[in-house]
Protein backbone atom coordinates (compact mmCIF):
# COMPACT_ATOMS: atom_id res chain seq x y z
CA MET A 1 -44.90 73.06 -3.60
CA LYS A 2 -41.34 74.12 -4.07
CA THR A 3 -38.48 72.48 -5.00
CA VAL A 4 -35.07 72.78 -2.82
CA VAL A 5 -31.93 71.39 -3.43
CA LEU A 6 -29.93 70.47 -0.91
CA LEU A 7 -27.02 69.69 -1.17
CA GLY A 8 -24.83 68.03 1.62
CA ALA A 9 -26.44 64.86 3.54
CA GLY A 10 -24.27 65.12 6.84
CA LYS A 11 -25.75 65.54 10.32
CA ILE A 12 -27.35 68.76 9.44
CA GLY A 13 -28.15 68.18 6.35
CA ARG A 14 -30.75 64.95 7.61
CA MET A 15 -31.89 67.33 10.37
CA VAL A 16 -32.78 69.87 7.30
CA ALA A 17 -33.94 66.91 4.90
CA TYR A 18 -36.30 65.83 7.56
CA PHE A 19 -37.94 69.47 9.52
CA LEU A 20 -38.63 70.02 4.95
CA GLY A 21 -39.77 66.64 4.20
CA PRO A 22 -41.66 64.85 6.72
CA ARG A 23 -42.03 68.16 8.80
CA GLY A 24 -42.77 70.12 5.69
CA ASP A 25 -46.30 69.63 5.79
CA GLY A 26 -46.05 69.01 1.92
CA ASP A 27 -44.62 72.11 1.09
CA TYR A 28 -41.29 70.95 0.28
CA VAL A 29 -40.00 68.43 -2.52
CA LEU A 30 -36.58 67.76 -2.46
CA ARG A 31 -33.44 66.98 -4.79
CA ILE A 32 -30.58 65.89 -2.79
CA GLY A 33 -27.07 65.59 -3.73
CA ASP A 34 -24.07 64.52 -1.59
CA SER A 35 -20.09 62.57 -2.54
CA SER A 36 -21.57 59.59 -0.24
CA ALA A 37 -23.63 57.05 -1.87
CA ASP A 38 -24.08 55.97 1.74
CA ALA A 39 -25.36 58.91 3.47
CA LEU A 40 -28.24 59.53 0.47
CA ALA A 41 -29.46 56.32 0.92
CA ALA A 42 -29.57 56.93 4.68
CA ILE A 43 -31.26 60.33 4.04
CA ARG A 44 -33.97 59.08 1.27
CA ASP A 45 -34.37 56.63 4.01
CA LEU A 46 -35.04 59.36 6.40
CA ALA A 47 -37.23 61.31 3.99
CA GLY A 48 -39.24 59.12 2.44
CA GLN A 49 -41.72 60.66 -0.84
CA HIS A 50 -40.09 64.58 0.03
CA VAL A 51 -37.33 63.22 -1.49
CA LYS A 52 -37.85 63.13 -5.64
CA HIS A 53 -34.03 62.86 -6.55
CA THR A 54 -30.59 62.42 -4.83
CA VAL A 55 -27.52 62.16 -6.61
CA VAL A 56 -23.90 61.44 -5.96
CA LEU A 57 -21.56 64.44 -7.12
CA ASP A 58 -18.87 66.73 -6.33
CA PHE A 59 -19.47 69.82 -4.84
CA THR A 60 -17.40 71.28 -7.37
CA ASP A 61 -19.00 69.83 -10.66
CA VAL A 62 -20.38 72.65 -12.38
CA ALA A 63 -22.60 70.40 -14.66
CA ALA A 64 -23.94 68.21 -11.80
CA LEU A 65 -24.91 71.45 -9.82
CA ASP A 66 -26.71 72.90 -13.27
CA GLU A 67 -28.79 69.34 -14.00
CA LEU A 68 -29.72 69.57 -10.73
CA MET A 69 -30.69 72.99 -9.79
CA ALA A 70 -32.85 72.95 -13.40
CA GLY A 71 -36.31 74.20 -12.81
CA ALA A 72 -36.03 74.45 -8.38
CA ASP A 73 -36.69 76.95 -6.19
CA ALA A 74 -33.76 77.09 -3.88
CA VAL A 75 -30.86 75.33 -3.07
CA ILE A 76 -29.11 74.99 0.61
CA SER A 77 -25.78 74.07 0.84
CA CYS A 78 -25.15 71.89 4.04
CA ALA A 79 -21.61 71.47 1.83
CA PRO A 80 -17.95 72.17 3.64
CA PHE A 81 -17.54 76.36 2.91
CA HIS A 82 -14.44 76.48 0.55
CA CYS A 83 -17.58 74.90 -1.58
CA ASN A 84 -20.07 77.50 -0.97
CA PRO A 85 -18.94 80.27 -3.40
CA ILE A 86 -19.42 77.68 -6.96
CA ILE A 87 -22.66 76.61 -5.16
CA ALA A 88 -23.75 80.40 -4.97
CA GLU A 89 -22.92 81.04 -8.75
CA ARG A 90 -24.48 78.74 -9.97
CA ALA A 91 -27.65 78.93 -7.98
CA SER A 92 -27.14 82.57 -9.63
CA LYS A 93 -27.30 81.09 -13.27
CA ASN A 94 -30.40 78.94 -12.58
CA GLY A 95 -32.09 80.94 -11.13
CA LEU A 96 -32.38 79.81 -7.27
CA HIS A 97 -32.30 81.52 -4.02
CA TYR A 98 -29.67 80.53 -1.95
CA LEU A 99 -28.99 79.73 1.68
CA ASP A 100 -25.99 78.54 3.58
CA LEU A 101 -24.72 77.98 6.94
CA THR A 102 -21.11 79.05 6.88
CA GLU A 103 -19.08 80.85 9.58
CA ASP A 104 -16.52 81.86 6.99
CA ILE A 105 -15.78 85.53 6.65
CA LYS A 106 -14.36 85.58 3.04
CA VAL A 107 -16.60 82.70 1.68
CA THR A 108 -19.43 86.00 2.37
CA ASP A 109 -17.96 88.20 1.07
CA GLN A 110 -17.92 86.02 -2.49
CA VAL A 111 -21.28 85.08 -1.83
CA ALA A 112 -22.55 89.17 -1.20
CA ALA A 113 -20.41 89.72 -4.57
CA ILE A 114 -22.49 87.52 -6.48
CA ALA A 115 -25.85 88.45 -4.64
CA ALA A 116 -24.65 92.46 -5.58
CA ARG A 117 -24.57 91.67 -9.52
CA PRO A 118 -27.18 93.58 -11.35
CA ASP A 119 -28.35 90.60 -13.67
CA ASN A 120 -29.12 88.81 -10.18
CA LYS A 121 -32.95 87.84 -9.30
CA THR A 122 -32.83 85.94 -6.12
CA ALA A 123 -31.71 86.16 -2.68
CA PHE A 124 -28.62 85.12 -1.32
CA VAL A 125 -28.65 84.38 1.95
CA PRO A 126 -25.62 83.13 4.13
CA GLN A 127 -25.01 82.31 7.58
CA CYS A 128 -28.57 81.32 8.11
CA GLY A 129 -27.91 78.61 11.18
CA LEU A 130 -27.44 79.49 14.79
CA ALA A 131 -24.40 81.53 15.23
CA PRO A 132 -24.13 83.77 12.89
CA GLY A 133 -27.98 83.53 12.38
CA PHE A 134 -30.22 82.88 15.04
CA ILE A 135 -28.05 85.05 17.22
CA THR A 136 -27.84 87.98 14.93
CA ILE A 137 -31.78 88.43 14.89
CA VAL A 138 -31.50 87.74 19.03
CA ALA A 139 -29.31 90.73 19.01
CA ARG A 140 -31.47 92.89 16.37
CA HIS A 141 -33.93 92.38 19.40
CA LEU A 142 -32.41 93.17 22.14
CA LEU A 143 -31.47 96.22 20.66
CA GLU A 144 -34.93 97.57 19.31
CA PRO A 145 -36.30 99.61 22.42
CA MET A 146 -32.87 100.89 23.61
CA THR A 147 -30.25 103.65 22.98
CA ASN A 148 -27.25 104.63 23.43
CA VAL A 149 -25.77 101.54 23.60
CA ARG A 150 -22.40 100.75 24.48
CA ASP A 151 -21.59 97.12 24.35
CA LEU A 152 -23.11 94.66 22.49
CA ARG A 153 -22.13 90.79 23.27
CA LEU A 154 -22.99 87.30 21.55
CA ARG A 155 -21.81 84.29 22.87
CA VAL A 156 -23.03 80.78 21.42
CA GLY A 157 -21.44 77.28 22.88
CA ALA A 158 -22.41 73.67 20.87
CA LEU A 159 -20.84 71.88 24.38
CA PRO A 160 -21.62 67.69 25.13
CA ARG A 161 -23.92 67.54 28.19
CA PHE A 162 -21.54 64.76 29.62
CA PRO A 163 -18.19 65.41 29.10
CA ASP A 164 -15.89 63.55 30.16
CA ASN A 165 -11.76 63.81 28.39
CA MET A 166 -9.61 66.99 28.33
CA LEU A 167 -10.40 68.95 26.04
CA LYS A 168 -14.27 68.49 27.74
CA TYR A 169 -15.87 68.63 24.01
CA ASN A 170 -17.10 66.60 21.74
CA LEU A 171 -17.90 66.63 18.12
CA THR A 172 -21.17 67.45 17.44
CA TRP A 173 -20.75 69.57 13.78
CA SER A 174 -18.26 70.00 10.88
CA THR A 175 -14.67 69.44 12.60
CA ALA A 176 -13.59 71.93 9.52
CA GLY A 177 -15.49 74.41 9.91
CA LEU A 178 -14.96 73.97 14.11
CA ILE A 179 -11.23 74.56 13.14
CA ASN A 180 -11.08 77.28 10.77
CA GLU A 181 -12.86 79.53 13.45
CA TYR A 182 -10.40 78.63 16.35
CA CYS A 183 -7.32 79.88 13.07
CA GLN A 184 -9.14 82.40 11.30
CA PRO A 185 -9.27 85.95 12.38
CA CYS A 186 -12.62 87.69 14.08
CA GLU A 187 -13.85 91.01 13.60
CA VAL A 188 -15.03 93.41 16.04
CA VAL A 189 -16.70 96.61 16.37
CA MET A 190 -14.28 98.50 19.14
CA ASP A 191 -15.09 102.21 19.65
CA HIS A 192 -17.25 102.39 16.85
CA GLU A 193 -14.70 101.03 14.45
CA SER A 194 -14.49 97.56 12.86
CA ARG A 195 -10.99 95.83 13.70
CA SER A 196 -10.05 92.34 13.44
CA VAL A 197 -8.78 90.73 16.82
CA GLN A 198 -6.77 87.47 16.78
CA PRO A 199 -8.86 84.22 17.74
CA LEU A 200 -8.22 82.36 20.99
CA GLU A 201 -8.26 85.54 22.79
CA ASN A 202 -9.95 87.90 25.44
CA LEU A 203 -10.48 85.01 27.30
CA GLU A 204 -13.40 85.99 30.03
CA GLU A 205 -15.39 84.02 32.71
CA ILE A 206 -19.30 83.44 32.17
CA VAL A 207 -21.99 81.90 34.32
CA ILE A 208 -25.55 81.06 32.78
CA ASP A 209 -27.99 79.14 34.82
CA GLY A 210 -25.84 78.15 37.93
CA VAL A 211 -22.94 77.01 35.76
CA ARG A 212 -19.73 78.07 35.15
CA TYR A 213 -17.95 78.61 31.05
CA GLU A 214 -15.64 80.57 29.39
CA ALA A 215 -15.73 82.36 26.44
CA PHE A 216 -12.99 83.61 23.84
CA ASN A 217 -12.74 84.65 20.53
CA THR A 218 -13.83 82.25 17.42
CA SER A 219 -14.49 83.78 13.90
CA GLY A 220 -16.92 84.18 11.75
CA GLY A 221 -20.14 84.39 14.34
CA LEU A 222 -20.45 87.54 14.27
CA GLY A 223 -21.62 87.67 10.55
CA SER A 224 -22.10 90.95 8.92
CA LEU A 225 -23.61 92.20 12.19
CA GLY A 226 -20.51 94.27 12.53
CA ASP A 227 -20.98 96.02 9.67
CA SER A 228 -24.54 96.73 10.20
CA LEU A 229 -23.94 98.18 13.64
CA LYS A 230 -20.91 100.19 12.98
CA GLY A 231 -21.61 103.49 14.40
CA SER A 232 -24.53 102.91 15.98
CA VAL A 233 -23.52 100.91 19.28
CA ARG A 234 -20.03 101.47 20.42
CA ASN A 235 -18.69 98.06 21.09
CA VAL A 236 -19.78 94.70 19.85
CA ASN A 237 -17.99 91.08 19.60
CA TYR A 238 -18.46 87.73 19.37
CA LYS A 239 -16.94 84.40 21.43
CA SER A 240 -17.54 81.00 21.68
CA LEU A 241 -18.34 79.01 24.95
CA ARG A 242 -16.69 76.07 26.21
CA TYR A 243 -16.25 74.24 29.71
CA PRO A 244 -13.03 75.46 31.41
CA GLY A 245 -10.02 74.97 30.64
CA HIS A 246 -10.60 73.98 26.58
CA ALA A 247 -8.74 77.68 25.50
CA HIS A 248 -5.86 76.38 27.21
CA LEU A 249 -5.12 73.68 25.44
CA ILE A 250 -6.82 74.48 22.20
CA ARG A 251 -4.38 77.33 22.35
CA PHE A 252 -0.95 74.83 23.11
CA LEU A 253 -2.32 72.68 19.98
CA ILE A 254 -3.23 75.31 17.61
CA ARG A 255 0.07 77.88 18.37
CA ASP A 256 2.76 75.53 20.64
CA LEU A 257 2.60 72.85 18.10
CA GLY A 258 1.68 74.84 15.05
CA MET A 259 -1.53 72.40 13.85
CA GLY A 260 -3.19 75.76 13.02
CA ASP A 261 -0.49 75.70 10.30
CA ARG A 262 -1.67 71.99 9.57
CA GLN A 263 -5.30 72.41 9.97
CA GLU A 264 -6.24 69.14 7.40
CA MET A 265 -3.89 67.04 10.15
CA LEU A 266 -5.70 68.34 13.25
CA ALA A 267 -8.84 68.24 11.64
CA GLU A 268 -8.11 63.86 10.92
CA ILE A 269 -6.67 63.90 14.58
CA PHE A 270 -9.85 65.46 16.02
CA GLU A 271 -12.18 62.74 13.98
CA LYS A 272 -10.16 59.63 14.85
CA SER A 273 -9.80 61.13 18.66
CA LEU A 274 -13.14 63.01 19.89
CA PRO A 275 -16.07 61.37 19.20
CA THR A 276 -19.21 62.59 18.15
CA THR A 277 -21.98 62.87 20.47
CA PHE A 278 -25.86 63.28 19.86
CA LYS A 279 -26.27 64.40 23.45
CA ASP A 280 -25.43 68.12 23.66
CA GLN A 281 -27.07 71.05 24.63
CA ILE A 282 -26.26 74.71 22.75
CA VAL A 283 -25.94 77.84 25.03
CA ILE A 284 -27.34 80.85 23.86
CA PHE A 285 -26.23 84.34 25.62
CA VAL A 286 -26.47 87.87 24.11
CA SER A 287 -26.31 91.13 26.15
CA ALA A 288 -26.87 94.45 25.26
CA ILE A 289 -25.91 97.23 27.58
CA GLY A 290 -26.78 100.65 26.98
CA ASP A 291 -29.83 103.61 27.29
CA PHE A 292 -33.84 102.08 28.74
CA ARG A 293 -36.18 105.11 29.94
CA GLY A 294 -33.54 107.13 30.94
CA LYS A 295 -31.41 104.76 32.97
CA LEU A 296 -28.11 103.02 32.03
CA THR A 297 -29.85 99.09 31.18
CA GLU A 298 -28.48 95.33 30.37
CA ASN A 299 -31.08 93.69 28.22
CA VAL A 300 -30.78 89.73 28.82
CA TYR A 301 -31.28 86.98 26.01
CA ALA A 302 -30.24 83.42 27.72
CA LYS A 303 -31.23 80.25 26.29
CA THR A 304 -30.11 76.50 26.53
CA ILE A 305 -31.07 74.14 24.31
CA TYR A 306 -31.09 70.28 24.07
CA HIS A 307 -30.77 67.42 22.16
CA GLN A 308 -34.26 65.89 21.98
CA GLU A 309 -36.30 63.28 20.54
CA ILE A 310 -38.67 63.58 17.55
CA ASP A 311 -40.86 61.37 16.47
CA GLY A 312 -38.85 58.63 18.33
CA THR A 313 -35.28 59.74 16.83
CA ASN A 314 -33.08 61.59 18.66
CA TRP A 315 -31.54 64.52 17.36
CA SER A 316 -28.79 66.87 18.48
CA GLY A 317 -29.45 70.16 19.56
CA ILE A 318 -26.65 71.25 16.83
CA GLN A 319 -28.93 69.80 14.64
CA ILE A 320 -32.14 71.33 15.79
CA THR A 321 -30.86 74.59 16.16
CA THR A 322 -28.95 74.57 12.73
CA ALA A 323 -31.32 73.18 10.60
CA ALA A 324 -34.46 75.26 12.14
CA GLY A 325 -32.44 78.26 11.21
CA VAL A 326 -32.22 77.55 7.93
CA CYS A 327 -35.19 76.05 7.28
CA THR A 328 -37.14 78.87 9.17
CA VAL A 329 -35.41 81.58 6.79
CA LEU A 330 -36.48 79.18 3.78
CA ASP A 331 -40.00 79.68 5.18
CA LEU A 332 -40.11 83.51 5.23
CA LEU A 333 -38.61 83.96 2.35
CA PHE A 334 -40.80 82.45 0.59
CA ALA A 335 -43.64 84.13 2.77
CA GLY A 336 -41.82 87.41 1.77
CA LYS A 337 -41.48 88.42 5.12
CA THR A 338 -37.86 88.63 3.82
CA PRO A 339 -35.88 90.56 1.35
CA THR A 340 -36.48 88.29 -2.02
CA ARG A 341 -33.69 89.73 -4.28
CA GLY A 342 -29.62 90.06 -3.33
CA PHE A 343 -27.60 90.07 -0.52
CA VAL A 344 -29.76 89.27 2.53
CA ARG A 345 -28.29 89.73 6.33
CA MET A 346 -29.34 87.71 9.13
CA GLU A 347 -30.27 90.87 10.80
CA ASP A 348 -33.20 92.36 8.57
CA ILE A 349 -35.61 89.17 9.79
CA HIS A 350 -37.25 89.99 12.41
CA PHE A 351 -36.78 88.11 16.16
CA GLU A 352 -40.97 87.63 16.02
CA ASP A 353 -41.37 86.30 12.94
CA PHE A 354 -38.62 83.74 13.06
CA ILE A 355 -39.76 82.65 16.51
CA ALA A 356 -43.08 82.39 15.45
CA ASN A 357 -42.27 79.91 12.50
CA ARG A 358 -43.31 76.11 13.10
CA TYR A 359 -39.11 75.11 12.90
CA GLY A 360 -38.14 78.84 14.61
CA ARG A 361 -40.32 77.64 17.46
CA TYR A 362 -37.56 74.66 18.62
CA TYR A 363 -35.95 77.71 19.70
CA ASP A 364 -38.20 79.15 22.06
CA GLN A 365 -39.49 75.00 23.54
């Protein structure tokens, strides 16, 4: 039995606790930390006997983190992305494997620097949720039988099933993370070179299973894939999927009204005005265009994953897919199917191993 420290008891943290606890076949015991006593009480009710200890803490409190991590095997951060560098630092000092869900490029660079220290003896696996995360694994899977790949396009949307406002959007995950990806520069590979492009640009239309979406640049979803493929794939890019019209209104808010410089205010407006929904859908589209058996071919993976009821409780699609990503990686890490030391990229993980996993199977239902 492995002891896992879970930091963050919000929407995704609850799903992680449920997967590793009641759905974990007794393989894991949990220690959970969060800034909210109410959130901790709810997660203890959910995961029951699988929770060994809960503590109210500040995610930047070094002493509290060290106490919670002492003697544990791994830490999963579902905390706000800006807290992850200090959590990763304490994981290194305490000898724990480290996993997170961040999309933030600068935070991931900091985690990678910690992982590269010569005295570090554990694995550091950032970005192991949905995007980056599972979508990266899919991309490498599509590329395997191909040569001379010209274009690799990754598209993901976490969308309400029943949109009824002008943005055609509901809150399903971290509001701060959402706004961050709308405001930060986006990494792409263009003509075999790494470049930075502006968010909310390069609007395109895409039809998946008969439904029309728009896609536009957002930051972080490419993860480390751009660096891994630079020089071997001509063009690589990531965009978020939304219902048509969303990008126009978001650009008005962030650029015309200057809310990109007042992200905390925008987050507060969103939290007060956009309701959360647990009836959502996750739309995944990955396309690779290159040579296959001597002919120019497009290899496509497309999937829509819906919210679902598990053991009598409705879980949102974003909860299921994000938590399934990090829980699968944790399983594979302890099974020796990923590197167990240093910085681990999601593209190091095999699609077949992921989708066969007890948690990874939620992507294939």
